[in-house]
Amino acid sequence: MAGDRYSNTDDTIKIDEASLKRLQGEYEDLAAEFKKRADSYPWSTTADVSIEYPFYLKLGGASFEEAQALVKKLEKVRTNLAERFDLTYKDSEGLASGIKSLLADTDAVEELNGMTADEFGTFVQGAADVTLSPSNGS
């Protein structure tokens, strides 16, 4: 039976404080990398570009239908990438914060081997509190 598969304590994954600190660092680095890549970069002397905002493109006049179609398709790709960046950033930031909160609670750290995934979930903060909006170089 599928439920029996997870009731065997011999298969329990044990995580110690060093493992959690390593994971916290990995998630913090990942969030920082996504934040960096969402920043604005110089595109020309008159504009910057960021994955978070529509690209400014001039590809012929309004009657150049192929160019207009290309601009629409590029915008769809940019929007999809921005959504994935944002979700991954929020997940990474939430996991890093959750692990930090967990490590700050020394009683929980002492009993890590008995913690369920649901119990760990109570330490992970809501991802809605963080944003990936470009910081304009700061």
Protein backbone atom coordinates (compact mmCIF):
# COMPACT_ATOMS: atom_id res chain seq x y z
CA MET A 1 0.00 0.00 0.00
CA ALA A 2 1.29 3.50 -0.83
CA GLY A 3 0.75 4.83 2.71
CA ASP A 4 2.96 2.08 4.16
CA ARG A 5 5.83 3.29 2.00
CA TYR A 6 6.15 6.47 4.05
CA SER A 7 5.51 5.02 7.50
CA ASN A 8 8.84 3.19 7.67
CA THR A 9 11.14 5.22 9.93
CA ASP A 10 14.21 3.57 8.37
CA ASP A 11 13.59 5.72 5.26
CA THR A 12 13.38 8.99 7.18
CA ILE A 13 15.54 11.76 5.74
CA LYS A 14 17.57 13.35 8.50
CA ILE A 15 18.60 16.97 8.12
CA ASP A 16 21.00 18.65 10.51
CA GLU A 17 21.74 22.32 11.16
CA ALA A 18 24.70 22.38 8.75
CA SER A 19 22.50 21.06 5.94
CA LEU A 20 19.88 23.71 6.62
CA LYS A 21 22.47 26.49 6.65
CA ARG A 22 23.87 25.24 3.34
CA LEU A 23 20.39 25.18 1.81
CA GLN A 24 19.62 28.62 3.20
CA GLY A 25 22.76 29.96 1.49
CA GLU A 26 21.85 28.29 -1.80
CA TYR A 27 18.35 29.78 -1.76
CA GLU A 28 19.68 33.23 -0.83
CA ASP A 29 22.20 33.04 -3.69
CA LEU A 30 19.49 31.94 -6.13
CA ALA A 31 17.19 34.79 -5.08
CA ALA A 32 20.05 37.29 -5.42
CA GLU A 33 20.88 35.99 -8.89
CA PHE A 34 17.29 36.38 -10.06
CA LYS A 35 17.10 39.86 -8.53
CA LYS A 36 20.31 40.80 -10.36
CA ARG A 37 19.04 39.52 -13.70
CA ALA A 38 15.75 41.42 -13.31
CA ASP A 39 17.62 44.73 -12.95
CA SER A 40 17.70 47.35 -15.67
CA TYR A 41 20.54 47.25 -18.17
CA PRO A 42 21.58 50.00 -20.60
CA TRP A 43 20.00 49.33 -24.00
CA SER A 44 20.79 52.55 -25.78
CA THR A 45 21.57 56.14 -24.96
CA THR A 46 17.84 56.79 -24.47
CA ALA A 47 16.52 53.66 -22.77
CA ASP A 48 17.29 50.81 -20.40
CA VAL A 49 15.84 47.31 -20.64
CA SER A 50 14.51 45.00 -17.94
CA ILE A 51 12.76 41.66 -18.20
CA GLU A 52 10.06 43.14 -15.94
CA TYR A 53 8.88 45.77 -18.46
CA PRO A 54 7.92 45.62 -22.16
CA PHE A 55 10.86 46.10 -24.52
CA TYR A 56 10.95 49.24 -26.62
CA LEU A 57 11.31 48.03 -30.20
CA LYS A 58 11.10 49.81 -33.56
CA LEU A 59 10.67 47.32 -36.37
CA GLY A 60 9.25 49.23 -39.30
CA GLY A 61 5.96 51.03 -39.67
CA ALA A 62 2.45 50.00 -38.69
CA SER A 63 1.91 48.46 -42.13
CA PHE A 64 4.85 46.05 -41.67
CA GLU A 65 2.66 43.22 -40.36
CA GLU A 66 5.48 40.69 -39.92
CA ALA A 67 7.33 43.08 -37.61
CA GLN A 68 4.18 43.79 -35.59
CA ALA A 69 3.58 40.04 -35.19
CA LEU A 70 7.21 39.55 -34.09
CA VAL A 71 6.89 42.29 -31.47
CA LYS A 72 3.75 40.61 -30.07
CA LYS A 73 5.47 37.22 -29.90
CA LEU A 74 8.56 38.70 -28.23
CA GLU A 75 6.32 40.37 -25.65
CA LYS A 76 4.64 37.05 -24.90
CA VAL A 77 8.03 35.38 -24.37
CA ARG A 78 9.19 38.29 -22.16
CA THR A 79 6.00 38.10 -20.09
CA ASN A 80 6.36 34.34 -19.59
CA LEU A 81 10.02 34.70 -18.58
CA ALA A 82 9.19 37.53 -16.18
CA GLU A 83 6.51 35.38 -14.52
CA ARG A 84 8.93 32.47 -14.13
CA PHE A 85 11.64 34.78 -12.77
CA ASP A 86 9.17 36.25 -10.29
CA LEU A 87 7.88 32.87 -9.09
CA THR A 88 11.35 31.39 -8.70
CA TYR A 89 12.57 34.50 -6.89
CA LYS A 90 9.62 34.44 -4.48
CA ASP A 91 10.01 30.70 -3.84
CA SER A 92 13.76 31.05 -3.19
CA GLU A 93 13.27 34.05 -0.94
CA GLY A 94 10.48 32.28 0.97
CA LEU A 95 12.52 29.11 1.47
CA ALA A 96 15.59 31.04 2.63
CA SER A 97 13.46 33.03 5.08
CA GLY A 98 11.73 29.87 6.27
CA ILE A 99 14.99 28.10 6.96
CA LYS A 100 16.31 31.19 8.74
CA SER A 101 13.19 31.24 10.95
CA LEU A 102 13.50 27.54 11.59
CA LEU A 103 17.15 27.86 12.62
CA ALA A 104 16.28 30.74 14.93
CA ASP A 105 13.87 28.44 16.78
CA THR A 106 16.40 26.28 18.64
CA ASP A 107 13.78 23.92 20.05
CA ALA A 108 12.67 23.04 16.53
CA VAL A 109 16.29 22.55 15.41
CA GLU A 110 16.84 20.03 18.19
CA GLU A 111 13.83 18.03 17.00
CA LEU A 112 14.38 18.33 13.22
CA ASN A 113 14.45 14.59 12.62
CA GLY A 114 10.82 14.30 13.67
CA MET A 115 9.46 17.31 11.76
CA THR A 116 6.97 16.69 8.99
CA ALA A 117 6.83 18.66 5.74
CA ASP A 118 3.66 20.36 6.99
CA GLU A 119 5.40 21.42 10.20
CA PHE A 120 8.30 22.82 8.17
CA GLY A 121 5.79 24.67 6.01
CA THR A 122 4.76 26.75 9.01
CA PHE A 123 8.24 28.30 9.01
CA VAL A 124 8.18 29.29 5.33
CA GLN A 125 6.97 32.85 5.03
CA GLY A 126 4.51 33.94 2.38
CA ALA A 127 6.12 34.68 -0.96
CA ALA A 128 3.74 37.59 -1.60
CA ASP A 129 5.88 39.80 0.67
CA VAL A 130 8.81 39.98 -1.77
CA THR A 131 9.09 41.57 -5.19
CA LEU A 132 11.41 41.16 -8.15
CA SER A 133 10.91 44.66 -9.54
CA PRO A 134 14.14 46.18 -10.87
CA SER A 135 16.09 48.19 -8.36
CA ASN A 136 17.65 50.49 -10.99
CA GLY A 137 21.20 49.53 -10.14
CA SER A 138 20.90 49.53 -6.36
